[in-house]
PDB file of all heavy atoms in Angstrom:
ATOM      1  N   GLY A   1       1.353  11.485  -4.709  1.00  0.00           N
ATOM      2  CA  GLY A   1       1.341  12.655  -5.621  1.00  0.00           C
ATOM      3  C   GLY A   1       2.050  13.866  -5.047  1.00  0.00           C
ATOM      4  O   GLY A   1       2.490  14.705  -5.831  1.00  0.00           O
ATOM      5  N   LEU A   2       2.100  13.969  -3.741  1.00  0.00           N
ATOM      6  CA  LEU A   2       2.820  15.093  -3.084  1.00  0.00           C
ATOM      7  C   LEU A   2       4.313  14.693  -2.878  1.00  0.00           C
ATOM      8  O   LEU A   2       5.030  15.485  -2.214  1.00  0.00           O
ATOM      9  CB  LEU A   2       2.170  15.348  -1.703  1.00  0.00           C
ATOM     10  CG  LEU A   2       0.713  15.959  -1.863  1.00  0.00           C
ATOM     11  CD1 LEU A   2       0.101  15.935  -0.458  1.00  0.00           C
ATOM     12  CD2 LEU A   2       0.718  17.288  -2.503  1.00  0.00           C
ATOM     13  N   SER A   3       4.734  13.531  -3.364  1.00  0.00           N
ATOM     14  CA  SER A   3       6.156  13.063  -3.171  1.00  0.00           C
ATOM     15  C   SER A   3       6.478  12.778  -1.687  1.00  0.00           C
ATOM     16  O   SER A   3       7.689  12.802  -1.302  1.00  0.00           O
ATOM     17  CB  SER A   3       7.104  14.055  -3.780  1.00  0.00           C
ATOM     18  OG  SER A   3       6.907  14.224  -5.165  1.00  0.00           O
ATOM     19  N   HIS A   4       5.521  12.520  -0.932  1.00  0.00           N
ATOM     20  CA  HIS A   4       5.726  12.098   0.499  1.00  0.00           C
ATOM     21  C   HIS A   4       5.648  10.580   0.564  1.00  0.00           C
ATOM     22  O   HIS A   4       4.678   9.960   1.000  1.00  0.00           O
ATOM     23  CB  HIS A   4       4.686  12.656   1.461  1.00  0.00           C
ATOM     24  CG  HIS A   4       4.710  14.165   1.557  1.00  0.00           C
ATOM     25  ND1 HIS A   4       5.796  14.844   2.123  1.00  0.00           N
ATOM     26  CD2 HIS A   4       3.841  15.116   1.149  1.00  0.00           C
ATOM     27  CE1 HIS A   4       5.562  16.153   2.055  1.00  0.00           C
ATOM     28  NE2 HIS A   4       4.385  16.341   1.481  1.00  0.00           N
ATOM     29  N   TYR A   5       6.705   9.955  -0.003  1.00  0.00           N
ATOM     30  CA  TYR A   5       6.631   8.498  -0.179  1.00  0.00           C
ATOM     31  C   TYR A   5       6.607   7.694   1.069  1.00  0.00           C
ATOM     32  O   TYR A   5       5.984   6.669   1.173  1.00  0.00           O
ATOM     33  CB  TYR A   5       7.819   8.060  -1.145  1.00  0.00           C
ATOM     34  CG  TYR A   5       7.816   8.842  -2.404  1.00  0.00           C
ATOM     35  CD1 TYR A   5       8.895   9.561  -2.844  1.00  0.00           C
ATOM     36  CD2 TYR A   5       6.643   8.819  -3.174  1.00  0.00           C
ATOM     37  CE1 TYR A   5       8.892  10.197  -4.066  1.00  0.00           C
ATOM     38  CE2 TYR A   5       6.633   9.534  -4.421  1.00  0.00           C
ATOM     39  CZ  TYR A   5       7.741  10.242  -4.838  1.00  0.00           C
ATOM     40  OH  TYR A   5       7.686  10.896  -6.045  1.00  0.00           O
ATOM     41  N   SER A   6       7.316   8.130   2.085  1.00  0.00           N
ATOM     42  CA  SER A   6       7.287   7.415   3.341  1.00  0.00           C
ATOM     43  C   SER A   6       5.897   7.391   3.994  1.00  0.00           C
ATOM     44  O   SER A   6       5.407   6.354   4.440  1.00  0.00           O
ATOM     45  CB  SER A   6       8.298   8.000   4.359  1.00  0.00           C
ATOM     46  OG  SER A   6       9.596   7.779   3.905  1.00  0.00           O
ATOM     47  N   ARG A   7       5.237   8.508   3.934  1.00  0.00           N
ATOM     48  CA  ARG A   7       3.837   8.622   4.401  1.00  0.00           C
ATOM     49  C   ARG A   7       2.886   7.740   3.524  1.00  0.00           C
ATOM     50  O   ARG A   7       1.963   7.160   4.014  1.00  0.00           O
ATOM     51  CB  ARG A   7       3.344  10.086   4.426  1.00  0.00           C
ATOM     52  CG  ARG A   7       4.043  10.916   5.493  1.00  0.00           C
ATOM     53  CD  ARG A   7       3.572  12.261   5.490  1.00  0.00           C
ATOM     54  NE  ARG A   7       4.235  13.102   6.526  1.00  0.00           N
ATOM     55  CZ  ARG A   7       4.024  14.358   6.650  1.00  0.00           C
ATOM     56  NH1 ARG A   7       3.181  15.013   5.873  1.00  0.00           N
ATOM     57  NH2 ARG A   7       4.666  15.026   7.641  1.00  0.00           N
ATOM     58  N   ALA A   8       3.142   7.764   2.242  1.00  0.00           N
ATOM     59  CA  ALA A   8       2.405   6.923   1.383  1.00  0.00           C
ATOM     60  C   ALA A   8       2.475   5.482   1.688  1.00  0.00           C
ATOM     61  O   ALA A   8       1.489   4.707   1.810  1.00  0.00           O
ATOM     62  CB  ALA A   8       2.799   7.165  -0.108  1.00  0.00           C
ATOM     63  N   ALA A   9       3.733   5.045   2.018  1.00  0.00           N
ATOM     64  CA  ALA A   9       3.956   3.602   2.355  1.00  0.00           C
ATOM     65  C   ALA A   9       3.206   3.279   3.662  1.00  0.00           C
ATOM     66  O   ALA A   9       2.570   2.196   3.734  1.00  0.00           O
ATOM     67  CB  ALA A   9       5.462   3.410   2.641  1.00  0.00           C
ATOM     68  N   VAL A  10       3.138   4.201   4.661  1.00  0.00           N
ATOM     69  CA  VAL A  10       2.409   3.951   5.837  1.00  0.00           C
ATOM     70  C   VAL A  10       0.873   3.755   5.530  1.00  0.00           C
ATOM     71  O   VAL A  10       0.293   2.835   5.990  1.00  0.00           O
ATOM     72  CB  VAL A  10       2.574   5.111   6.915  1.00  0.00           C
ATOM     73  CG1 VAL A  10       1.612   4.958   8.030  1.00  0.00           C
ATOM     74  CG2 VAL A  10       4.040   5.102   7.338  1.00  0.00           C
ATOM     75  N   SER A  11       0.364   4.571   4.718  1.00  0.00           N
ATOM     76  CA  SER A  11      -1.027   4.483   4.307  1.00  0.00           C
ATOM     77  C   SER A  11      -1.374   3.197   3.587  1.00  0.00           C
ATOM     78  O   SER A  11      -2.366   2.590   3.858  1.00  0.00           O
ATOM     79  CB  SER A  11      -1.484   5.693   3.534  1.00  0.00           C
ATOM     80  OG  SER A  11      -1.429   6.817   4.367  1.00  0.00           O
ATOM     81  N   PHE A  12      -0.497   2.900   2.587  1.00  0.00           N
ATOM     82  CA  PHE A  12      -0.675   1.660   1.846  1.00  0.00           C
ATOM     83  C   PHE A  12      -0.611   0.406   2.727  1.00  0.00           C
ATOM     84  O   PHE A  12      -1.342  -0.541   2.602  1.00  0.00           O
ATOM     85  CB  PHE A  12       0.309   1.509   0.710  1.00  0.00           C
ATOM     86  CG  PHE A  12       0.107   2.444  -0.420  1.00  0.00           C
ATOM     87  CD1 PHE A  12       1.131   3.183  -1.012  1.00  0.00           C
ATOM     88  CD2 PHE A  12      -1.183   2.617  -1.006  1.00  0.00           C
ATOM     89  CE1 PHE A  12       0.902   4.003  -2.104  1.00  0.00           C
ATOM     90  CE2 PHE A  12      -1.387   3.409  -2.065  1.00  0.00           C
ATOM     91  CZ  PHE A  12      -0.400   4.144  -2.658  1.00  0.00           C
ATOM     92  N   ASN A  13       0.331   0.452   3.764  1.00  0.00           N
ATOM     93  CA  ASN A  13       0.408  -0.652   4.668  1.00  0.00           C
ATOM     94  C   ASN A  13      -0.811  -0.783   5.523  1.00  0.00           C
ATOM     95  O   ASN A  13      -1.224  -1.897   5.835  1.00  0.00           O
ATOM     96  CB  ASN A  13       1.647  -0.454   5.547  1.00  0.00           C
ATOM     97  CG  ASN A  13       2.881  -1.119   4.971  1.00  0.00           C
ATOM     98  OD1 ASN A  13       2.869  -2.169   4.502  1.00  0.00           O
ATOM     99  ND2 ASN A  13       3.973  -0.398   5.036  1.00  0.00           N
ATOM    100  N   ARG A  14      -1.370   0.372   5.974  1.00  0.00           N
ATOM    101  CA  ARG A  14      -2.609   0.256   6.704  1.00  0.00           C
ATOM    102  C   ARG A  14      -3.777  -0.321   5.859  1.00  0.00           C
ATOM    103  O   ARG A  14      -4.540  -1.158   6.365  1.00  0.00           O
ATOM    104  CB  ARG A  14      -2.996   1.659   7.251  1.00  0.00           C
ATOM    105  CG  ARG A  14      -2.113   2.161   8.364  1.00  0.00           C
ATOM    106  CD  ARG A  14      -2.499   3.482   8.807  1.00  0.00           C
ATOM    107  NE  ARG A  14      -1.659   3.871   9.933  1.00  0.00           N
ATOM    108  CZ  ARG A  14      -1.509   5.099  10.306  1.00  0.00           C
ATOM    109  NH1 ARG A  14      -2.153   6.127   9.770  1.00  0.00           N
ATOM    110  NH2 ARG A  14      -0.636   5.420  11.351  1.00  0.00           N
ATOM    111  N   ALA A  15      -3.830   0.116   4.624  1.00  0.00           N
ATOM    112  CA  ALA A  15      -4.871  -0.395   3.710  1.00  0.00           C
ATOM    113  C   ALA A  15      -4.631  -1.930   3.506  1.00  0.00           C
ATOM    114  O   ALA A  15      -5.621  -2.706   3.559  1.00  0.00           O
ATOM    115  CB  ALA A  15      -4.777   0.348   2.381  1.00  0.00           C
ATOM    116  N   LEU A  16      -3.419  -2.321   3.299  1.00  0.00           N
ATOM    117  CA  LEU A  16      -3.097  -3.736   3.150  1.00  0.00           C
ATOM    118  C   LEU A  16      -3.504  -4.591   4.318  1.00  0.00           C
ATOM    119  O   LEU A  16      -4.069  -5.679   4.155  1.00  0.00           O
ATOM    120  CB  LEU A  16      -1.648  -3.919   2.807  1.00  0.00           C
ATOM    121  CG  LEU A  16      -1.146  -5.350   2.662  1.00  0.00           C
ATOM    122  CD1 LEU A  16      -1.889  -6.068   1.506  1.00  0.00           C
ATOM    123  CD2 LEU A  16       0.386  -5.352   2.434  1.00  0.00           C
ATOM    124  N   ARG A  17      -3.200  -4.052   5.533  1.00  0.00           N
ATOM    125  CA  ARG A  17      -3.568  -4.839   6.708  1.00  0.00           C
ATOM    126  C   ARG A  17      -5.072  -5.052   6.793  1.00  0.00           C
ATOM    127  O   ARG A  17      -5.499  -6.104   7.114  1.00  0.00           O
ATOM    128  CB  ARG A  17      -3.044  -4.038   7.944  1.00  0.00           C
ATOM    129  CG  ARG A  17      -3.373  -4.743   9.272  1.00  0.00           C
ATOM    130  CD  ARG A  17      -2.902  -3.945  10.520  1.00  0.00           C
ATOM    131  NE  ARG A  17      -3.218  -2.517  10.468  1.00  0.00           N
ATOM    132  CZ  ARG A  17      -4.358  -2.017  10.793  1.00  0.00           C
ATOM    133  NH1 ARG A  17      -5.435  -2.777  11.187  1.00  0.00           N
ATOM    134  NH2 ARG A  17      -4.583  -0.703  10.701  1.00  0.00           N
ATOM    135  N   LEU A  18      -5.803  -4.030   6.510  1.00  0.00           N
ATOM    136  CA  LEU A  18      -7.272  -4.161   6.547  1.00  0.00           C
ATOM    137  C   LEU A  18      -7.739  -5.093   5.482  1.00  0.00           C
ATOM    138  O   LEU A  18      -8.642  -5.893   5.751  1.00  0.00           O
ATOM    139  CB  LEU A  18      -7.917  -2.703   6.401  1.00  0.00           C
ATOM    140  CG  LEU A  18      -7.780  -1.910   7.659  1.00  0.00           C
ATOM    141  CD1 LEU A  18      -8.074  -0.404   7.315  1.00  0.00           C
ATOM    142  CD2 LEU A  18      -8.640  -2.340   8.785  1.00  0.00           C
ATOM    143  N   MET A  19      -7.197  -4.959   4.273  1.00  0.00           N
ATOM    144  CA  MET A  19      -7.656  -5.863   3.172  1.00  0.00           C
ATOM    145  C   MET A  19      -7.351  -7.252   3.474  1.00  0.00           C
ATOM    146  O   MET A  19      -8.047  -8.189   3.174  1.00  0.00           O
ATOM    147  CB  MET A  19      -7.056  -5.417   1.856  1.00  0.00           C
ATOM    148  CG  MET A  19      -7.556  -4.156   1.205  1.00  0.00           C
ATOM    149  SD  MET A  19      -9.297  -4.276   0.760  1.00  0.00           S
ATOM    150  CE  MET A  19      -9.503  -2.735  -0.081  1.00  0.00           C
ATOM    151  N   THR A  20      -6.189  -7.503   4.179  1.00  0.00           N
ATOM    152  CA  THR A  20      -5.843  -8.865   4.573  1.00  0.00           C
ATOM    153  C   THR A  20      -6.766  -9.353   5.685  1.00  0.00           C
ATOM    154  O   THR A  20      -7.246 -10.554   5.574  1.00  0.00           O
ATOM    155  CB  THR A  20      -4.383  -8.907   5.085  1.00  0.00           C
ATOM    156  OG1 THR A  20      -3.487  -8.389   4.085  1.00  0.00           O
ATOM    157  CG2 THR A  20      -3.943 -10.240   5.521  1.00  0.00           C
ATOM    158  N   GLU A  21      -7.137  -8.551   6.619  1.00  0.00           N
ATOM    159  CA  GLU A  21      -8.013  -8.910   7.658  1.00  0.00           C
ATOM    160  C   GLU A  21      -9.425  -9.369   7.121  1.00  0.00           C
ATOM    161  O   GLU A  21     -10.052 -10.286   7.667  1.00  0.00           O
ATOM    162  CB  GLU A  21      -8.238  -7.757   8.638  1.00  0.00           C
ATOM    163  CG  GLU A  21      -7.071  -7.522   9.581  1.00  0.00           C
ATOM    164  CD  GLU A  21      -7.298  -6.294  10.438  1.00  0.00           C
ATOM    165  OE1 GLU A  21      -8.409  -5.712  10.502  1.00  0.00           O
ATOM    166  OE2 GLU A  21      -6.317  -5.889  11.094  1.00  0.00           O
ATOM    167  N   ILE A  22      -9.853  -8.707   6.047  1.00  0.00           N
ATOM    168  CA  ILE A  22     -11.197  -9.047   5.503  1.00  0.00           C
ATOM    169  C   ILE A  22     -11.091 -10.031   4.335  1.00  0.00           C
ATOM    170  O   ILE A  22     -12.083 -10.385   3.679  1.00  0.00           O
ATOM    171  CB  ILE A  22     -11.981  -7.784   5.076  1.00  0.00           C
ATOM    172  CG1 ILE A  22     -11.284  -7.061   3.985  1.00  0.00           C
ATOM    173  CG2 ILE A  22     -12.279  -6.912   6.256  1.00  0.00           C
ATOM    174  CD1 ILE A  22     -12.095  -5.923   3.334  1.00  0.00           C
ATOM    175  N   ASN A  23      -9.833 -10.501   4.067  1.00  0.00           N
ATOM    176  CA  ASN A  23      -9.624 -11.483   3.039  1.00  0.00           C
ATOM    177  C   ASN A  23     -10.112 -11.029   1.671  1.00  0.00           C
ATOM    178  O   ASN A  23     -10.861 -11.722   1.015  1.00  0.00           O
ATOM    179  CB  ASN A  23     -10.187 -12.830   3.401  1.00  0.00           C
ATOM    180  CG  ASN A  23      -9.662 -13.958   2.564  1.00  0.00           C
ATOM    181  OD1 ASN A  23      -8.510 -13.907   2.106  1.00  0.00           O
ATOM    182  ND2 ASN A  23     -10.436 -14.975   2.379  1.00  0.00           N
ATOM    183  N   ASN A  24      -9.617  -9.829   1.228  1.00  0.00           N
ATOM    184  CA  ASN A  24     -10.003  -9.293  -0.077  1.00  0.00           C
ATOM    185  C   ASN A  24      -8.732  -9.357  -0.917  1.00  0.00           C
ATOM    186  O   ASN A  24      -7.895  -8.507  -0.881  1.00  0.00           O
ATOM    187  CB  ASN A  24     -10.462  -7.818   0.107  1.00  0.00           C
ATOM    188  CG  ASN A  24     -10.982  -7.272  -1.204  1.00  0.00           C
ATOM    189  OD1 ASN A  24     -10.313  -7.419  -2.198  1.00  0.00           O
ATOM    190  ND2 ASN A  24     -12.121  -6.584  -1.136  1.00  0.00           N
ATOM    191  N   PRO A  25      -8.634 -10.380  -1.819  1.00  0.00           N
ATOM    192  CA  PRO A  25      -7.456 -10.557  -2.564  1.00  0.00           C
ATOM    193  C   PRO A  25      -7.155  -9.464  -3.582  1.00  0.00           C
ATOM    194  O   PRO A  25      -6.008  -9.077  -3.739  1.00  0.00           O
ATOM    195  CB  PRO A  25      -7.694 -11.887  -3.364  1.00  0.00           C
ATOM    196  CG  PRO A  25      -8.767 -12.569  -2.577  1.00  0.00           C
ATOM    197  CD  PRO A  25      -9.578 -11.561  -1.938  1.00  0.00           C
ATOM    198  N   TYR A  26      -8.204  -8.927  -4.194  1.00  0.00           N
ATOM    199  CA  TYR A  26      -8.013  -7.774  -5.145  1.00  0.00           C
ATOM    200  C   TYR A  26      -7.490  -6.621  -4.378  1.00  0.00           C
ATOM    201  O   TYR A  26      -6.586  -5.907  -4.798  1.00  0.00           O
ATOM    202  CB  TYR A  26      -9.358  -7.463  -5.878  1.00  0.00           C
ATOM    203  CG  TYR A  26      -9.191  -6.259  -6.736  1.00  0.00           C
ATOM    204  CD1 TYR A  26      -8.536  -6.344  -7.930  1.00  0.00           C
ATOM    205  CD2 TYR A  26      -9.705  -5.026  -6.363  1.00  0.00           C
ATOM    206  CE1 TYR A  26      -8.398  -5.212  -8.757  1.00  0.00           C
ATOM    207  CE2 TYR A  26      -9.535  -3.884  -7.127  1.00  0.00           C
ATOM    208  CZ  TYR A  26      -8.920  -4.009  -8.365  1.00  0.00           C
ATOM    209  OH  TYR A  26      -8.722  -2.919  -9.123  1.00  0.00           O
ATOM    210  N   GLY A  27      -8.082  -6.304  -3.279  1.00  0.00           N
ATOM    211  CA  GLY A  27      -7.612  -5.137  -2.452  1.00  0.00           C
ATOM    212  C   GLY A  27      -6.224  -5.328  -1.964  1.00  0.00           C
ATOM    213  O   GLY A  27      -5.421  -4.382  -2.008  1.00  0.00           O
ATOM    214  N   GLN A  28      -5.854  -6.547  -1.593  1.00  0.00           N
ATOM    215  CA  GLN A  28      -4.466  -6.809  -1.201  1.00  0.00           C
ATOM    216  C   GLN A  28      -3.510  -6.591  -2.432  1.00  0.00           C
ATOM    217  O   GLN A  28      -2.444  -6.014  -2.199  1.00  0.00           O
ATOM    218  CB  GLN A  28      -4.349  -8.297  -0.732  1.00  0.00           C
ATOM    219  CG  GLN A  28      -5.047  -8.528   0.577  1.00  0.00           C
ATOM    220  CD  GLN A  28      -5.048  -9.994   0.917  1.00  0.00           C
ATOM    221  OE1 GLN A  28      -3.956 -10.625   0.852  1.00  0.00           O
ATOM    222  NE2 GLN A  28      -6.167 -10.520   1.223  1.00  0.00           N
ATOM    223  N   ALA A  29      -3.902  -7.018  -3.593  1.00  0.00           N
ATOM    224  CA  ALA A  29      -3.110  -6.866  -4.804  1.00  0.00           C
ATOM    225  C   ALA A  29      -2.818  -5.391  -5.085  1.00  0.00           C
ATOM    226  O   ALA A  29      -1.710  -5.017  -5.351  1.00  0.00           O
ATOM    227  CB  ALA A  29      -3.697  -7.590  -5.954  1.00  0.00           C
ATOM    228  N   ILE A  30      -3.883  -4.551  -5.060  1.00  0.00           N
ATOM    229  CA  ILE A  30      -3.668  -3.170  -5.394  1.00  0.00           C
ATOM    230  C   ILE A  30      -2.874  -2.417  -4.312  1.00  0.00           C
ATOM    231  O   ILE A  30      -2.070  -1.568  -4.646  1.00  0.00           O
ATOM    232  CB  ILE A  30      -4.939  -2.431  -5.745  1.00  0.00           C
ATOM    233  CG1 ILE A  30      -5.902  -2.337  -4.533  1.00  0.00           C
ATOM    234  CG2 ILE A  30      -5.637  -3.034  -6.944  1.00  0.00           C
ATOM    235  CD1 ILE A  30      -7.027  -1.454  -4.760  1.00  0.00           C
ATOM    236  N   CYS A  31      -2.998  -2.891  -3.073  1.00  0.00           N
ATOM    237  CA  CYS A  31      -2.190  -2.292  -2.002  1.00  0.00           C
ATOM    238  C   CYS A  31      -0.700  -2.685  -2.121  1.00  0.00           C
ATOM    239  O   CYS A  31       0.140  -1.818  -1.969  1.00  0.00           O
ATOM    240  CB  CYS A  31      -2.665  -2.725  -0.646  1.00  0.00           C
ATOM    241  SG  CYS A  31      -4.285  -1.986  -0.205  1.00  0.00           S
ATOM    242  N   HIS A  32      -0.481  -3.943  -2.527  1.00  0.00           N
ATOM    243  CA  HIS A  32       0.943  -4.378  -2.790  1.00  0.00           C
ATOM    244  C   HIS A  32       1.507  -3.529  -3.942  1.00  0.00           C
ATOM    245  O   HIS A  32       2.676  -3.138  -3.900  1.00  0.00           O
ATOM    246  CB  HIS A  32       0.971  -5.847  -3.164  1.00  0.00           C
ATOM    247  CG  HIS A  32       0.997  -6.727  -1.886  1.00  0.00           C
ATOM    248  ND1 HIS A  32       2.081  -6.765  -1.032  1.00  0.00           N
ATOM    249  CD2 HIS A  32       0.076  -7.595  -1.456  1.00  0.00           C
ATOM    250  CE1 HIS A  32       1.791  -7.647  -0.061  1.00  0.00           C
ATOM    251  NE2 HIS A  32       0.622  -8.125  -0.280  1.00  0.00           N
ATOM    252  N   SER A  33       0.709  -3.267  -4.956  1.00  0.00           N
ATOM    253  CA  SER A  33       1.154  -2.512  -6.087  1.00  0.00           C
ATOM    254  C   SER A  33       1.616  -1.085  -5.654  1.00  0.00           C
ATOM    255  O   SER A  33       2.644  -0.588  -6.070  1.00  0.00           O
ATOM    256  CB  SER A  33       0.142  -2.395  -7.156  1.00  0.00           C
ATOM    257  OG  SER A  33       0.479  -1.622  -8.236  1.00  0.00           O
ATOM    258  N   GLY A  34       0.743  -0.430  -4.849  1.00  0.00           N
ATOM    259  CA  GLY A  34       1.085   0.869  -4.332  1.00  0.00           C
ATOM    260  C   GLY A  34       2.296   0.836  -3.512  1.00  0.00           C
ATOM    261  O   GLY A  34       3.246   1.705  -3.629  1.00  0.00           O
ATOM    262  N   LEU A  35       2.428  -0.146  -2.639  1.00  0.00           N
ATOM    263  CA  LEU A  35       3.633  -0.251  -1.809  1.00  0.00           C
ATOM    264  C   LEU A  35       4.906  -0.442  -2.581  1.00  0.00           C
ATOM    265  O   LEU A  35       5.880   0.144  -2.282  1.00  0.00           O
ATOM    266  CB  LEU A  35       3.432  -1.421  -0.849  1.00  0.00           C
ATOM    267  CG  LEU A  35       2.773  -1.085   0.509  1.00  0.00           C
ATOM    268  CD1 LEU A  35       2.469  -2.408   1.285  1.00  0.00           C
ATOM    269  CD2 LEU A  35       3.645  -0.232   1.384  1.00  0.00           C
ATOM    270  N   GLY A  36       4.778  -1.337  -3.591  1.00  0.00           N
ATOM    271  CA  GLY A  36       5.974  -1.629  -4.440  1.00  0.00           C
ATOM    272  C   GLY A  36       6.390  -0.348  -5.149  1.00  0.00           C
ATOM    273  O   GLY A  36       7.598  -0.055  -5.186  1.00  0.00           O
ATOM    274  N   ASN A  37       5.403   0.446  -5.567  1.00  0.00           N
ATOM    275  CA  ASN A  37       5.788   1.706  -6.284  1.00  0.00           C
ATOM    276  C   ASN A  37       6.534   2.665  -5.390  1.00  0.00           C
ATOM    277  O   ASN A  37       7.571   3.186  -5.764  1.00  0.00           O
ATOM    278  CB  ASN A  37       4.480   2.324  -6.755  1.00  0.00           C
ATOM    279  CG  ASN A  37       4.734   3.569  -7.588  1.00  0.00           C
ATOM    280  OD1 ASN A  37       5.030   4.582  -7.081  1.00  0.00           O
ATOM    281  ND2 ASN A  37       4.628   3.381  -8.934  1.00  0.00           N
ATOM    282  N   VAL A  38       6.022   2.893  -4.181  1.00  0.00           N
ATOM    283  CA  VAL A  38       6.739   3.834  -3.297  1.00  0.00           C
ATOM    284  C   VAL A  38       8.011   3.315  -2.746  1.00  0.00           C
ATOM    285  O   VAL A  38       8.924   4.058  -2.577  1.00  0.00           O
ATOM    286  CB  VAL A  38       5.807   4.369  -2.118  1.00  0.00           C
ATOM    287  CG1 VAL A  38       4.604   5.174  -2.694  1.00  0.00           C
ATOM    288  CG2 VAL A  38       5.311   3.275  -1.240  1.00  0.00           C
ATOM    289  N   GLN A  39       8.140   1.991  -2.531  1.00  0.00           N
ATOM    290  CA  GLN A  39       9.320   1.447  -2.048  1.00  0.00           C
ATOM    291  C   GLN A  39      10.401   1.611  -3.124  1.00  0.00           C
ATOM    292  O   GLN A  39      11.584   1.862  -2.816  1.00  0.00           O
ATOM    293  CB  GLN A  39       9.203  -0.022  -1.678  1.00  0.00           C
ATOM    294  CG  GLN A  39       8.348  -0.237  -0.416  1.00  0.00           C
ATOM    295  CD  GLN A  39       8.893   0.371   0.831  1.00  0.00           C
ATOM    296  OE1 GLN A  39       9.953   0.910   0.912  1.00  0.00           O
ATOM    297  NE2 GLN A  39       8.061   0.461   1.870  1.00  0.00           N
ATOM    298  N   ASN A  40      10.019   1.448  -4.366  1.00  0.00           N
ATOM    299  CA  ASN A  40      10.955   1.681  -5.514  1.00  0.00           C
ATOM    300  C   ASN A  40      11.458   3.094  -5.520  1.00  0.00           C
ATOM    301  O   ASN A  40      12.639   3.407  -5.675  1.00  0.00           O
ATOM    302  CB  ASN A  40      10.259   1.326  -6.808  1.00  0.00           C
ATOM    303  CG  ASN A  40      11.208   1.465  -7.983  1.00  0.00           C
ATOM    304  OD1 ASN A  40      12.337   0.917  -8.060  1.00  0.00           O
ATOM    305  ND2 ASN A  40      10.791   2.254  -8.989  1.00  0.00           N
ATOM    306  N   LEU A  41      10.527   4.069  -5.277  1.00  0.00           N
ATOM    307  CA  LEU A  41      10.911   5.450  -5.285  1.00  0.00           C
ATOM    308  C   LEU A  41      11.766   5.892  -4.082  1.00  0.00           C
ATOM    309  O   LEU A  41      12.463   6.797  -4.121  1.00  0.00           O
ATOM    310  CB  LEU A  41       9.623   6.327  -5.307  1.00  0.00           C
ATOM    311  CG  LEU A  41       8.826   6.234  -6.661  1.00  0.00           C
ATOM    312  CD1 LEU A  41       7.464   6.838  -6.484  1.00  0.00           C
ATOM    313  CD2 LEU A  41       9.612   6.910  -7.749  1.00  0.00           C
ATOM    314  N   LEU A  42      11.636   5.085  -3.013  1.00  0.00           N
ATOM    315  CA  LEU A  42      12.490   5.311  -1.823  1.00  0.00           C
ATOM    316  C   LEU A  42      13.786   4.518  -1.904  1.00  0.00           C
ATOM    317  O   LEU A  42      14.569   4.460  -0.923  1.00  0.00           O
ATOM    318  CB  LEU A  42      11.682   4.880  -0.548  1.00  0.00           C
ATOM    319  CG  LEU A  42      10.531   5.769  -0.153  1.00  0.00           C
ATOM    320  CD1 LEU A  42       9.674   5.068   0.855  1.00  0.00           C
ATOM    321  CD2 LEU A  42      11.015   7.091   0.344  1.00  0.00           C
TER     322      LEU A  42
END
């Protein structure tokens, strides 16, 4: 929301790593969605 897309990607990656560690498929999916969005903007 602040247009800090690189920082957003770092946060989404951290969230994805944790969701993967706990094997939460829904959480992984929404993290991938956020990551895809910011990578597109970058």
